[in-house]
Structure formats: structure tokens, C-alpha cells
Amino acid sequence: MPKTRRTPAATTLAGSASVFAALGDETRLRLVGRLSDRGPLSIAQLTAGFPITRQAITKHLRVMEDAGLVESSRDGRESVWRLEQRRLADAQRQLQTISKGWDDTLGRLKRLVED
């Protein structure tokens, strides 16, 4: 069976799949929002106001870390989590590319229907 070749855009999109999967969860999306608004935060600061345990938040952070969305560092005894802005920017570019593709396709369809 012949190998299918991936375009650079398809390869980049496939590389972003873990980011989109991680962002597909409401809790993780809220964590991204907090980190985006407030900058690096400790686990205690991140869990404040969430109706789930610190352990559950840590599991969400690990999923996000695996996707390259966050990084942690130690500050004394605490883990401090920060958002990986570059990864979010990559995902945003992918969404813009997809959106442009849809706009182009819909424009062609409109011209076809109108002609």
C-alpha cells in the first residue's frame, strides 16, 4: 500500500492535536484562563475556588504539561505552573489556517451558486 504524504500544514495540525484535546476539557480551559490572566501560579493558587481536589487539578495540569501547554518549576516546597505561550500561539495559528480554508471554500461555493 502506498504511503500517503502529509502536507506541512497537516503535519503541524497533527502535532497540535494534543493541545486541542487538552483544551477540550472545561476545567483545563479554566486553568489556562487563570494562568493567562494571573501569570505563574502555585498549585494552591490554582485550586482556590475550584470544586475539585488538588490531586484532580494536578492530573489536569499533567495532561496540559504533556501537551506542552504548561510547565512547572519548584519554588521552595511548592510547584509553580506557568502557561507555555508559544504552544497556545501555535494552536491559534492552526485555527486561523483552518478558518481561512473554510472561508475560501465558502467563497468558492457562493460564487458557484451565484453563477
PDB file of N, CA and C in Angstrom:
ATOM      1  N   MET A   1       0.839  -1.159   0.000  1.00  0.00           N
ATOM      2  CA  MET A   1       0.000   0.000   0.000  1.00  0.00           C
ATOM      3  C   MET A   1       0.897   1.239   0.000  1.00  0.00           C
ATOM      4  N   PRO A   2       0.616   2.223  -0.885  1.00  0.00           N
ATOM      5  CA  PRO A   2       1.458   3.403  -0.947  1.00  0.00           C
ATOM      6  C   PRO A   2       1.292   4.277   0.287  1.00  0.00           C
ATOM      7  N   LYS A   3       2.400   4.926   0.663  1.00  0.00           N
ATOM      8  CA  LYS A   3       2.356   5.839   1.786  1.00  0.00           C
ATOM      9  C   LYS A   3       1.699   7.141   1.360  1.00  0.00           C
ATOM     10  N   THR A   4       0.890   7.683   2.251  1.00  0.00           N
ATOM     11  CA  THR A   4       0.312   8.983   1.962  1.00  0.00           C
ATOM     12  C   THR A   4       1.256  10.042   2.510  1.00  0.00           C
ATOM     13  N   ARG A   5       1.420  11.081   1.730  1.00  0.00           N
ATOM     14  CA  ARG A   5       2.288  12.170   2.156  1.00  0.00           C
ATOM     15  C   ARG A   5       1.461  13.209   2.875  1.00  0.00           C
ATOM     16  N   ARG A   6       2.002  13.699   3.936  1.00  0.00           N
ATOM     17  CA  ARG A   6       1.349  14.762   4.687  1.00  0.00           C
ATOM     18  C   ARG A   6       1.910  16.096   4.247  1.00  0.00           C
ATOM     19  N   THR A   7       1.023  17.044   4.078  1.00  0.00           N
ATOM     20  CA  THR A   7       1.471  18.395   3.783  1.00  0.00           C
ATOM     21  C   THR A   7       2.041  18.991   5.068  1.00  0.00           C
ATOM     22  N   PRO A   8       2.884  20.025   4.956  1.00  0.00           N
ATOM     23  CA  PRO A   8       3.400  20.649   6.181  1.00  0.00           C
ATOM     24  C   PRO A   8       2.284  21.129   7.100  1.00  0.00           C
ATOM     25  N   ALA A   9       1.205  21.677   6.521  1.00  0.00           N
ATOM     26  CA  ALA A   9       0.088  22.148   7.344  1.00  0.00           C
ATOM     27  C   ALA A   9      -0.571  20.983   8.079  1.00  0.00           C
ATOM     28  N   ALA A  10      -0.739  19.844   7.405  1.00  0.00           N
ATOM     29  CA  ALA A  10      -1.355  18.679   8.041  1.00  0.00           C
ATOM     30  C   ALA A  10      -0.460  18.139   9.149  1.00  0.00           C
ATOM     31  N   THR A  11       0.840  18.145   8.926  1.00  0.00           N
ATOM     32  CA  THR A  11       1.776  17.674   9.941  1.00  0.00           C
ATOM     33  C   THR A  11       1.719  18.573  11.165  1.00  0.00           C
ATOM     34  N   THR A  12       1.686  19.885  10.953  1.00  0.00           N
ATOM     35  CA  THR A  12       1.605  20.824  12.063  1.00  0.00           C
ATOM     36  C   THR A  12       0.284  20.673  12.800  1.00  0.00           C
ATOM     37  N   LEU A  13      -0.793  20.492  12.065  1.00  0.00           N
ATOM     38  CA  LEU A  13      -2.098  20.311  12.683  1.00  0.00           C
ATOM     39  C   LEU A  13      -2.114  19.043  13.530  1.00  0.00           C
ATOM     40  N   ALA A  14      -1.545  17.968  13.010  1.00  0.00           N
ATOM     41  CA  ALA A  14      -1.490  16.719  13.770  1.00  0.00           C
ATOM     42  C   ALA A  14      -0.682  16.912  15.052  1.00  0.00           C
ATOM     43  N   GLY A  15       0.369  17.707  14.978  1.00  0.00           N
ATOM     44  CA  GLY A  15       1.169  17.991  16.165  1.00  0.00           C
ATOM     45  C   GLY A  15       0.420  18.816  17.198  1.00  0.00           C
ATOM     46  N   SER A  16      -0.596  19.529  16.763  1.00  0.00           N
ATOM     47  CA  SER A  16      -1.399  20.355  17.667  1.00  0.00           C
ATOM     48  C   SER A  16      -2.592  19.599  18.249  1.00  0.00           C
ATOM     49  N   ALA A  17      -2.817  18.388  17.800  1.00  0.00           N
ATOM     50  CA  ALA A  17      -3.995  17.632  18.243  1.00  0.00           C
ATOM     51  C   ALA A  17      -4.027  17.471  19.756  1.00  0.00           C
ATOM     52  N   SER A  18      -2.879  17.232  20.389  1.00  0.00           N
ATOM     53  CA  SER A  18      -2.868  17.065  21.844  1.00  0.00           C
ATOM     54  C   SER A  18      -3.232  18.362  22.552  1.00  0.00           C
ATOM     55  N   VAL A  19      -2.872  19.497  21.960  1.00  0.00           N
ATOM     56  CA  VAL A  19      -3.238  20.794  22.537  1.00  0.00           C
ATOM     57  C   VAL A  19      -4.749  20.972  22.483  1.00  0.00           C
ATOM     58  N   PHE A  20      -5.333  20.697  21.313  1.00  0.00           N
ATOM     59  CA  PHE A  20      -6.778  20.850  21.182  1.00  0.00           C
ATOM     60  C   PHE A  20      -7.519  19.864  22.085  1.00  0.00           C
ATOM     61  N   ALA A  21      -6.996  18.661  22.223  1.00  0.00           N
ATOM     62  CA  ALA A  21      -7.623  17.683  23.119  1.00  0.00           C
ATOM     63  C   ALA A  21      -7.562  18.167  24.566  1.00  0.00           C
ATOM     64  N   ALA A  22      -6.411  18.708  24.960  1.00  0.00           N
ATOM     65  CA  ALA A  22      -6.272  19.210  26.332  1.00  0.00           C
ATOM     66  C   ALA A  22      -7.197  20.388  26.583  1.00  0.00           C
ATOM     67  N   LEU A  23      -7.366  21.245  25.594  1.00  0.00           N
ATOM     68  CA  LEU A  23      -8.219  22.419  25.753  1.00  0.00           C
ATOM     69  C   LEU A  23      -9.710  22.077  25.661  1.00  0.00           C
ATOM     70  N   GLY A  24     -10.020  20.850  25.288  1.00  0.00           N
ATOM     71  CA  GLY A  24     -11.410  20.427  25.150  1.00  0.00           C
ATOM     72  C   GLY A  24     -12.089  20.135  26.463  1.00  0.00           C
ATOM     73  N   ASP A  25     -11.385  20.249  27.562  1.00  0.00           N
ATOM     74  CA  ASP A  25     -11.959  19.987  28.879  1.00  0.00           C
ATOM     75  C   ASP A  25     -12.200  21.322  29.588  1.00  0.00           C
ATOM     76  N   GLU A  26     -13.376  21.503  30.150  1.00  0.00           N
ATOM     77  CA  GLU A  26     -13.740  22.778  30.783  1.00  0.00           C
ATOM     78  C   GLU A  26     -12.793  23.161  31.920  1.00  0.00           C
ATOM     79  N   THR A  27     -12.430  22.200  32.753  1.00  0.00           N
ATOM     80  CA  THR A  27     -11.534  22.505  33.871  1.00  0.00           C
ATOM     81  C   THR A  27     -10.175  22.968  33.359  1.00  0.00           C
ATOM     82  N   ARG A  28      -9.637  22.264  32.372  1.00  0.00           N
ATOM     83  CA  ARG A  28      -8.336  22.659  31.830  1.00  0.00           C
ATOM     84  C   ARG A  28      -8.411  24.019  31.149  1.00  0.00           C
ATOM     85  N   LEU A  29      -9.510  24.279  30.475  1.00  0.00           N
ATOM     86  CA  LEU A  29      -9.686  25.584  29.843  1.00  0.00           C
ATOM     87  C   LEU A  29      -9.732  26.695  30.900  1.00  0.00           C
ATOM     88  N   ARG A  30     -10.388  26.426  32.012  1.00  0.00           N
ATOM     89  CA  ARG A  30     -10.427  27.402  33.113  1.00  0.00           C
ATOM     90  C   ARG A  30      -9.036  27.604  33.706  1.00  0.00           C
ATOM     91  N   LEU A  31      -8.258  26.535  33.815  1.00  0.00           N
ATOM     92  CA  LEU A  31      -6.891  26.662  34.319  1.00  0.00           C
ATOM     93  C   LEU A  31      -6.041  27.518  33.383  1.00  0.00           C
ATOM     94  N   VAL A  32      -6.201  27.309  32.081  1.00  0.00           N
ATOM     95  CA  VAL A  32      -5.485  28.134  31.097  1.00  0.00           C
ATOM     96  C   VAL A  32      -5.886  29.595  31.277  1.00  0.00           C
ATOM     97  N   GLY A  33      -7.164  29.841  31.479  1.00  0.00           N
ATOM     98  CA  GLY A  33      -7.636  31.198  31.700  1.00  0.00           C
ATOM     99  C   GLY A  33      -6.999  31.846  32.917  1.00  0.00           C
ATOM    100  N   ARG A  34      -6.936  31.109  34.006  1.00  0.00           N
ATOM    101  CA  ARG A  34      -6.309  31.640  35.228  1.00  0.00           C
ATOM    102  C   ARG A  34      -4.835  31.950  35.001  1.00  0.00           C
ATOM    103  N   LEU A  35      -4.136  31.012  34.384  1.00  0.00           N
ATOM    104  CA  LEU A  35      -2.709  31.229  34.147  1.00  0.00           C
ATOM    105  C   LEU A  35      -2.474  32.371  33.174  1.00  0.00           C
ATOM    106  N   SER A  36      -3.360  32.517  32.231  1.00  0.00           N
ATOM    107  CA  SER A  36      -3.246  33.596  31.261  1.00  0.00           C
ATOM    108  C   SER A  36      -3.497  34.954  31.918  1.00  0.00           C
ATOM    109  N   ASP A  37      -4.481  35.016  32.798  1.00  0.00           N
ATOM    110  CA  ASP A  37      -4.834  36.271  33.468  1.00  0.00           C
ATOM    111  C   ASP A  37      -3.837  36.670  34.552  1.00  0.00           C
ATOM    112  N   ARG A  38      -3.351  35.680  35.294  1.00  0.00           N
ATOM    113  CA  ARG A  38      -2.588  35.983  36.512  1.00  0.00           C
ATOM    114  C   ARG A  38      -1.107  35.641  36.429  1.00  0.00           C
ATOM    115  N   GLY A  39      -0.682  34.966  35.376  1.00  0.00           N
ATOM    116  CA  GLY A  39       0.724  34.568  35.292  1.00  0.00           C
ATOM    117  C   GLY A  39       0.978  33.300  36.077  1.00  0.00           C
ATOM    118  N   PRO A  40       2.246  32.984  36.349  1.00  0.00           N
ATOM    119  CA  PRO A  40       2.568  31.740  37.061  1.00  0.00           C
ATOM    120  C   PRO A  40       1.883  31.678  38.426  1.00  0.00           C
ATOM    121  N   LEU A  41       1.346  30.494  38.740  1.00  0.00           N
ATOM    122  CA  LEU A  41       0.632  30.299  39.996  1.00  0.00           C
ATOM    123  C   LEU A  41       1.026  28.978  40.639  1.00  0.00           C
ATOM    124  N   SER A  42       0.969  28.963  41.958  1.00  0.00           N
ATOM    125  CA  SER A  42       1.205  27.716  42.688  1.00  0.00           C
ATOM    126  C   SER A  42      -0.035  26.838  42.587  1.00  0.00           C
ATOM    127  N   ILE A  43       0.126  25.610  42.956  1.00  0.00           N
ATOM    128  CA  ILE A  43      -0.996  24.670  42.944  1.00  0.00           C
ATOM    129  C   ILE A  43      -2.088  25.179  43.897  1.00  0.00           C
ATOM    130  N   ALA A  44      -1.702  25.728  45.036  1.00  0.00           N
ATOM    131  CA  ALA A  44      -2.691  26.257  45.987  1.00  0.00           C
ATOM    132  C   ALA A  44      -3.477  27.405  45.360  1.00  0.00           C
ATOM    133  N   GLN A  45      -2.804  28.291  44.647  1.00  0.00           N
ATOM    134  CA  GLN A  45      -3.490  29.403  43.998  1.00  0.00           C
ATOM    135  C   GLN A  45      -4.390  28.916  42.864  1.00  0.00           C
ATOM    136  N   LEU A  46      -3.934  27.918  42.140  1.00  0.00           N
ATOM    137  CA  LEU A  46      -4.730  27.384  41.033  1.00  0.00           C
ATOM    138  C   LEU A  46      -5.984  26.669  41.514  1.00  0.00           C
ATOM    139  N   THR A  47      -5.919  26.009  42.665  1.00  0.00           N
ATOM    140  CA  THR A  47      -7.064  25.232  43.138  1.00  0.00           C
ATOM    141  C   THR A  47      -8.090  26.080  43.873  1.00  0.00           C
ATOM    142  N   ALA A  48      -7.721  27.284  44.267  1.00  0.00           N
ATOM    143  CA  ALA A  48      -8.651  28.151  45.010  1.00  0.00           C
ATOM    144  C   ALA A  48      -9.920  28.383  44.185  1.00  0.00           C
ATOM    145  N   GLY A  49     -11.046  28.036  44.782  1.00  0.00           N
ATOM    146  CA  GLY A  49     -12.323  28.257  44.124  1.00  0.00           C
ATOM    147  C   GLY A  49     -12.782  27.139  43.195  1.00  0.00           C
ATOM    148  N   PHE A  50     -11.937  26.145  42.952  1.00  0.00           N
ATOM    149  CA  PHE A  50     -12.363  25.001  42.137  1.00  0.00           C
ATOM    150  C   PHE A  50     -13.052  23.982  43.029  1.00  0.00           C
ATOM    151  N   PRO A  51     -14.135  23.391  42.554  1.00  0.00           N
ATOM    152  CA  PRO A  51     -14.865  22.423  43.375  1.00  0.00           C
ATOM    153  C   PRO A  51     -14.252  21.018  43.334  1.00  0.00           C
ATOM    154  N   ILE A  52     -13.008  20.905  42.881  1.00  0.00           N
ATOM    155  CA  ILE A  52     -12.360  19.588  42.817  1.00  0.00           C
ATOM    156  C   ILE A  52     -11.068  19.630  43.621  1.00  0.00           C
ATOM    157  N   THR A  53     -10.544  18.469  43.912  1.00  0.00           N
ATOM    158  CA  THR A  53      -9.377  18.362  44.783  1.00  0.00           C
ATOM    159  C   THR A  53      -8.096  18.831  44.109  1.00  0.00           C
ATOM    160  N   ARG A  54      -7.118  19.077  44.931  1.00  0.00           N
ATOM    161  CA  ARG A  54      -5.789  19.459  44.450  1.00  0.00           C
ATOM    162  C   ARG A  54      -5.200  18.345  43.577  1.00  0.00           C
ATOM    163  N   GLN A  55      -5.446  17.098  43.953  1.00  0.00           N
ATOM    164  CA  GLN A  55      -4.950  15.965  43.169  1.00  0.00           C
ATOM    165  C   GLN A  55      -5.579  15.954  41.777  1.00  0.00           C
ATOM    166  N   ALA A  56      -6.874  16.262  41.701  1.00  0.00           N
ATOM    167  CA  ALA A  56      -7.548  16.299  40.403  1.00  0.00           C
ATOM    168  C   ALA A  56      -6.985  17.428  39.541  1.00  0.00           C
ATOM    169  N   ILE A  57      -6.748  18.580  40.144  1.00  0.00           N
ATOM    170  CA  ILE A  57      -6.156  19.702  39.410  1.00  0.00           C
ATOM    171  C   ILE A  57      -4.771  19.303  38.904  1.00  0.00           C
ATOM    172  N   THR A  58      -4.013  18.621  39.735  1.00  0.00           N
ATOM    173  CA  THR A  58      -2.670  18.173  39.328  1.00  0.00           C
ATOM    174  C   THR A  58      -2.754  17.241  38.131  1.00  0.00           C
ATOM    175  N   LYS A  59      -3.726  16.337  38.113  1.00  0.00           N
ATOM    176  CA  LYS A  59      -3.896  15.448  36.957  1.00  0.00           C
ATOM    177  C   LYS A  59      -4.195  16.246  35.691  1.00  0.00           C
ATOM    178  N   HIS A  60      -5.047  17.263  35.810  1.00  0.00           N
ATOM    179  CA  HIS A  60      -5.346  18.122  34.655  1.00  0.00           C
ATOM    180  C   HIS A  60      -4.084  18.851  34.192  1.00  0.00           C
ATOM    181  N   LEU A  61      -3.302  19.324  35.149  1.00  0.00           N
ATOM    182  CA  LEU A  61      -2.067  20.028  34.801  1.00  0.00           C
ATOM    183  C   LEU A  61      -1.081  19.092  34.098  1.00  0.00           C
ATOM    184  N   ARG A  62      -1.042  17.843  34.500  1.00  0.00           N
ATOM    185  CA  ARG A  62      -0.140  16.871  33.852  1.00  0.00           C
ATOM    186  C   ARG A  62      -0.560  16.627  32.396  1.00  0.00           C
ATOM    187  N   VAL A  63      -1.865  16.558  32.146  1.00  0.00           N
ATOM    188  CA  VAL A  63      -2.351  16.412  30.767  1.00  0.00           C
ATOM    189  C   VAL A  63      -1.912  17.619  29.946  1.00  0.00           C
ATOM    190  N   MET A  64      -2.071  18.791  30.533  1.00  0.00           N
ATOM    191  CA  MET A  64      -1.681  20.017  29.845  1.00  0.00           C
ATOM    192  C   MET A  64      -0.165  20.088  29.646  1.00  0.00           C
ATOM    193  N   GLU A  65       0.572  19.589  30.619  1.00  0.00           N
ATOM    194  CA  GLU A  65       2.034  19.560  30.503  1.00  0.00           C
ATOM    195  C   GLU A  65       2.462  18.621  29.377  1.00  0.00           C
ATOM    196  N   ASP A  66       1.825  17.463  29.285  1.00  0.00           N
ATOM    197  CA  ASP A  66       2.124  16.512  28.206  1.00  0.00           C
ATOM    198  C   ASP A  66       1.844  17.112  26.829  1.00  0.00           C
ATOM    199  N   ALA A  67       0.861  18.004  26.762  1.00  0.00           N
ATOM    200  CA  ALA A  67       0.508  18.666  25.502  1.00  0.00           C
ATOM    201  C   ALA A  67       1.397  19.882  25.233  1.00  0.00           C
ATOM    202  N   GLY A  68       2.239  20.217  26.201  1.00  0.00           N
ATOM    203  CA  GLY A  68       3.138  21.353  26.033  1.00  0.00           C
ATOM    204  C   GLY A  68       2.507  22.693  26.350  1.00  0.00           C
ATOM    205  N   LEU A  69       1.355  22.681  27.018  1.00  0.00           N
ATOM    206  CA  LEU A  69       0.650  23.933  27.332  1.00  0.00           C
ATOM    207  C   LEU A  69       1.143  24.618  28.592  1.00  0.00           C
ATOM    208  N   VAL A  70       1.662  23.853  29.535  1.00  0.00           N
ATOM    209  CA  VAL A  70       2.144  24.420  30.796  1.00  0.00           C
ATOM    210  C   VAL A  70       3.475  23.784  31.163  1.00  0.00           C
ATOM    211  N   GLU A  71       4.183  24.489  32.006  1.00  0.00           N
ATOM    212  CA  GLU A  71       5.422  23.968  32.586  1.00  0.00           C
ATOM    213  C   GLU A  71       5.407  24.260  34.075  1.00  0.00           C
ATOM    214  N   SER A  72       6.069  23.412  34.820  1.00  0.00           N
ATOM    215  CA  SER A  72       6.144  23.651  36.261  1.00  0.00           C
ATOM    216  C   SER A  72       7.598  23.813  36.675  1.00  0.00           C
ATOM    217  N   SER A  73       7.760  24.531  37.758  1.00  0.00           N
ATOM    218  CA  SER A  73       9.078  24.671  38.377  1.00  0.00           C
ATOM    219  C   SER A  73       8.863  24.670  39.880  1.00  0.00           C
ATOM    220  N   ARG A  74       9.913  24.479  40.600  1.00  0.00           N
ATOM    221  CA  ARG A  74       9.814  24.444  42.057  1.00  0.00           C
ATOM    222  C   ARG A  74      10.182  25.805  42.629  1.00  0.00           C
ATOM    223  N   ASP A  75       9.406  26.236  43.600  1.00  0.00           N
ATOM    224  CA  ASP A  75       9.707  27.438  44.362  1.00  0.00           C
ATOM    225  C   ASP A  75       9.609  27.022  45.824  1.00  0.00           C
ATOM    226  N   GLY A  76      10.731  26.641  46.359  1.00  0.00           N
ATOM    227  CA  GLY A  76      10.718  26.078  47.710  1.00  0.00           C
ATOM    228  C   GLY A  76      10.026  24.733  47.686  1.00  0.00           C
ATOM    229  N   ARG A  77       8.981  24.595  48.476  1.00  0.00           N
ATOM    230  CA  ARG A  77       8.240  23.336  48.532  1.00  0.00           C
ATOM    231  C   ARG A  77       7.080  23.290  47.553  1.00  0.00           C
ATOM    232  N   GLU A  78       6.801  24.399  46.896  1.00  0.00           N
ATOM    233  CA  GLU A  78       5.639  24.458  46.008  1.00  0.00           C
ATOM    234  C   GLU A  78       6.022  24.314  44.544  1.00  0.00           C
ATOM    235  N   SER A  79       5.102  23.723  43.803  1.00  0.00           N
ATOM    236  CA  SER A  79       5.208  23.714  42.348  1.00  0.00           C
ATOM    237  C   SER A  79       4.508  24.953  41.826  1.00  0.00           C
ATOM    238  N   VAL A  80       5.173  25.655  40.938  1.00  0.00           N
ATOM    239  CA  VAL A  80       4.599  26.836  40.307  1.00  0.00           C
ATOM    240  C   VAL A  80       4.402  26.507  38.834  1.00  0.00           C
ATOM    241  N   TRP A  81       3.190  26.759  38.352  1.00  0.00           N
ATOM    242  CA  TRP A  81       2.828  26.422  36.976  1.00  0.00           C
ATOM    243  C   TRP A  81       2.715  27.685  36.146  1.00  0.00           C
ATOM    244  N   ARG A  82       3.244  27.615  34.939  1.00  0.00           N
ATOM    245  CA  ARG A  82       3.135  28.752  34.028  1.00  0.00           C
ATOM    246  C   ARG A  82       2.678  28.256  32.669  1.00  0.00           C
ATOM    247  N   LEU A  83       2.001  29.134  31.981  1.00  0.00           N
ATOM    248  CA  LEU A  83       1.473  28.841  30.656  1.00  0.00           C
ATOM    249  C   LEU A  83       2.593  28.922  29.629  1.00  0.00           C
ATOM    250  N   GLU A  84       2.588  27.986  28.692  1.00  0.00           N
ATOM    251  CA  GLU A  84       3.558  28.000  27.592  1.00  0.00           C
ATOM    252  C   GLU A  84       2.909  28.750  26.434  1.00  0.00           C
ATOM    253  N   GLN A  85       3.179  30.048  26.358  1.00  0.00           N
ATOM    254  CA  GLN A  85       2.540  30.931  25.387  1.00  0.00           C
ATOM    255  C   GLN A  85       2.790  30.497  23.941  1.00  0.00           C
ATOM    256  N   ARG A  86       3.972  30.003  23.665  1.00  0.00           N
ATOM    257  CA  ARG A  86       4.312  29.611  22.286  1.00  0.00           C
ATOM    258  C   ARG A  86       3.386  28.514  21.788  1.00  0.00           C
ATOM    259  N   ARG A  87       3.065  27.580  22.645  1.00  0.00           N
ATOM    260  CA  ARG A  87       2.194  26.462  22.259  1.00  0.00           C
ATOM    261  C   ARG A  87       0.777  26.949  21.957  1.00  0.00           C
ATOM    262  N   LEU A  88       0.304  27.896  22.768  1.00  0.00           N
ATOM    263  CA  LEU A  88      -1.015  28.467  22.506  1.00  0.00           C
ATOM    264  C   LEU A  88      -1.019  29.271  21.212  1.00  0.00           C
ATOM    265  N   ALA A  89       0.069  29.978  20.954  1.00  0.00           N
ATOM    266  CA  ALA A  89       0.171  30.753  19.713  1.00  0.00           C
ATOM    267  C   ALA A  89       0.169  29.819  18.505  1.00  0.00           C
ATOM    268  N   ASP A  90       0.847  28.674  18.624  1.00  0.00           N
ATOM    269  CA  ASP A  90       0.839  27.681  17.538  1.00  0.00           C
ATOM    270  C   ASP A  90      -0.585  27.192  17.264  1.00  0.00           C
ATOM    271  N   ALA A  91      -1.320  26.900  18.326  1.00  0.00           N
ATOM    272  CA  ALA A  91      -2.701  26.429  18.172  1.00  0.00           C
ATOM    273  C   ALA A  91      -3.571  27.516  17.554  1.00  0.00           C
ATOM    274  N   GLN A  92      -3.351  28.750  17.958  1.00  0.00           N
ATOM    275  CA  GLN A  92      -4.119  29.851  17.386  1.00  0.00           C
ATOM    276  C   GLN A  92      -3.847  29.979  15.884  1.00  0.00           C
ATOM    277  N   ARG A  93      -2.588  29.834  15.480  1.00  0.00           N
ATOM    278  CA  ARG A  93      -2.261  29.877  14.053  1.00  0.00           C
ATOM    279  C   ARG A  93      -2.939  28.749  13.298  1.00  0.00           C
ATOM    280  N   GLN A  94      -3.006  27.575  13.897  1.00  0.00           N
ATOM    281  CA  GLN A  94      -3.680  26.448  13.253  1.00  0.00           C
ATOM    282  C   GLN A  94      -5.165  26.747  13.063  1.00  0.00           C
ATOM    283  N   LEU A  95      -5.793  27.313  14.080  1.00  0.00           N
ATOM    284  CA  LEU A  95      -7.211  27.660  13.961  1.00  0.00           C
ATOM    285  C   LEU A  95      -7.431  28.721  12.895  1.00  0.00           C
ATOM    286  N   GLN A  96      -6.518  29.667  12.787  1.00  0.00           N
ATOM    287  CA  GLN A  96      -6.631  30.685  11.744  1.00  0.00           C
ATOM    288  C   GLN A  96      -6.499  30.066  10.357  1.00  0.00           C
ATOM    289  N   THR A  97      -5.588  29.107  10.206  1.00  0.00           N
ATOM    290  CA  THR A  97      -5.408  28.424   8.923  1.00  0.00           C
ATOM    291  C   THR A  97      -6.677  27.659   8.551  1.00  0.00           C
ATOM    292  N   ILE A  98      -7.244  26.950   9.516  1.00  0.00           N
ATOM    293  CA  ILE A  98      -8.480  26.205   9.275  1.00  0.00           C
ATOM    294  C   ILE A  98      -9.604  27.165   8.916  1.00  0.00           C
ATOM    295  N   SER A  99      -9.700  28.254   9.642  1.00  0.00           N
ATOM    296  CA  SER A  99     -10.745  29.247   9.386  1.00  0.00           C
ATOM    297  C   SER A  99     -10.604  29.840   7.989  1.00  0.00           C
ATOM    298  N   LYS A 100      -9.386  30.159   7.589  1.00  0.00           N
ATOM    299  CA  LYS A 100      -9.161  30.712   6.252  1.00  0.00           C
ATOM    300  C   LYS A 100      -9.555  29.691   5.178  1.00  0.00           C
ATOM    301  N   GLY A 101      -9.223  28.437   5.414  1.00  0.00           N
ATOM    302  CA  GLY A 101      -9.611  27.388   4.468  1.00  0.00           C
ATOM    303  C   GLY A 101     -11.118  27.307   4.307  1.00  0.00           C
ATOM    304  N   TRP A 102     -11.845  27.383   5.423  1.00  0.00           N
ATOM    305  CA  TRP A 102     -13.305  27.368   5.361  1.00  0.00           C
ATOM    306  C   TRP A 102     -13.833  28.603   4.649  1.00  0.00           C
ATOM    307  N   ASP A 103     -13.256  29.763   4.954  1.00  0.00           N
ATOM    308  CA  ASP A 103     -13.690  30.998   4.287  1.00  0.00           C
ATOM    309  C   ASP A 103     -13.482  30.902   2.780  1.00  0.00           C
ATOM    310  N   ASP A 104     -12.332  30.372   2.372  1.00  0.00           N
ATOM    311  CA  ASP A 104     -12.046  30.206   0.938  1.00  0.00           C
ATOM    312  C   ASP A 104     -13.039  29.251   0.287  1.00  0.00           C
ATOM    313  N   THR A 105     -13.301  28.131   0.960  1.00  0.00           N
ATOM    314  CA  THR A 105     -14.229  27.134   0.428  1.00  0.00           C
ATOM    315  C   THR A 105     -15.644  27.712   0.314  1.00  0.00           C
ATOM    316  N   LEU A 106     -16.083  28.403   1.348  1.00  0.00           N
ATOM    317  CA  LEU A 106     -17.417  29.003   1.307  1.00  0.00           C
ATOM    318  C   LEU A 106     -17.505  30.092   0.243  1.00  0.00           C
ATOM    319  N   GLY A 107     -16.424  30.833   0.036  1.00  0.00           N
ATOM    320  CA  GLY A 107     -16.399  31.838  -1.020  1.00  0.00           C
ATOM    321  C   GLY A 107     -16.537  31.212  -2.399  1.00  0.00           C
ATOM    322  N   ARG A 108     -15.837  30.089  -2.613  1.00  0.00           N
ATOM    323  CA  ARG A 108     -15.950  29.378  -3.898  1.00  0.00           C
ATOM    324  C   ARG A 108     -17.357  28.840  -4.091  1.00  0.00           C
ATOM    325  N   LEU A 109     -17.938  28.303  -3.036  1.00  0.00           N
ATOM    326  CA  LEU A 109     -19.306  27.784  -3.111  1.00  0.00           C
ATOM    327  C   LEU A 109     -20.292  28.912  -3.429  1.00  0.00           C
ATOM    328  N   LYS A 110     -20.125  30.043  -2.800  1.00  0.00           N
ATOM    329  CA  LYS A 110     -21.004  31.189  -3.049  1.00  0.00           C
ATOM    330  C   LYS A 110     -20.900  31.629  -4.508  1.00  0.00           C
ATOM    331  N   ARG A 111     -19.682  31.728  -5.017  1.00  0.00           N
ATOM    332  CA  ARG A 111     -19.517  32.126  -6.417  1.00  0.00           C
ATOM    333  C   ARG A 111     -20.147  31.110  -7.357  1.00  0.00           C
ATOM    334  N   LEU A 112     -20.006  29.822  -7.049  1.00  0.00           N
ATOM    335  CA  LEU A 112     -20.581  28.772  -7.866  1.00  0.00           C
ATOM    336  C   LEU A 112     -22.103  28.870  -7.877  1.00  0.00           C
ATOM    337  N   VAL A 113     -22.690  29.085  -6.721  1.00  0.00           N
ATOM    338  CA  VAL A 113     -24.149  29.173  -6.609  1.00  0.00           C
ATOM    339  C   VAL A 113     -24.665  30.431  -7.316  1.00  0.00           C
ATOM    340  N   GLU A 114     -23.938  31.520  -7.179  1.00  0.00           N
ATOM    341  CA  GLU A 114     -24.380  32.767  -7.790  1.00  0.00           C
ATOM    342  C   GLU A 114     -24.231  32.783  -9.301  1.00  0.00           C
ATOM    343  N   ASP A 115     -23.319  32.005  -9.856  1.00  0.00           N
ATOM    344  CA  ASP A 115     -23.089  31.976 -11.313  1.00  0.00           C
ATOM    345  C   ASP A 115     -24.108  31.174 -12.048  1.00  0.00           C
TER     346      ASP A 115
END
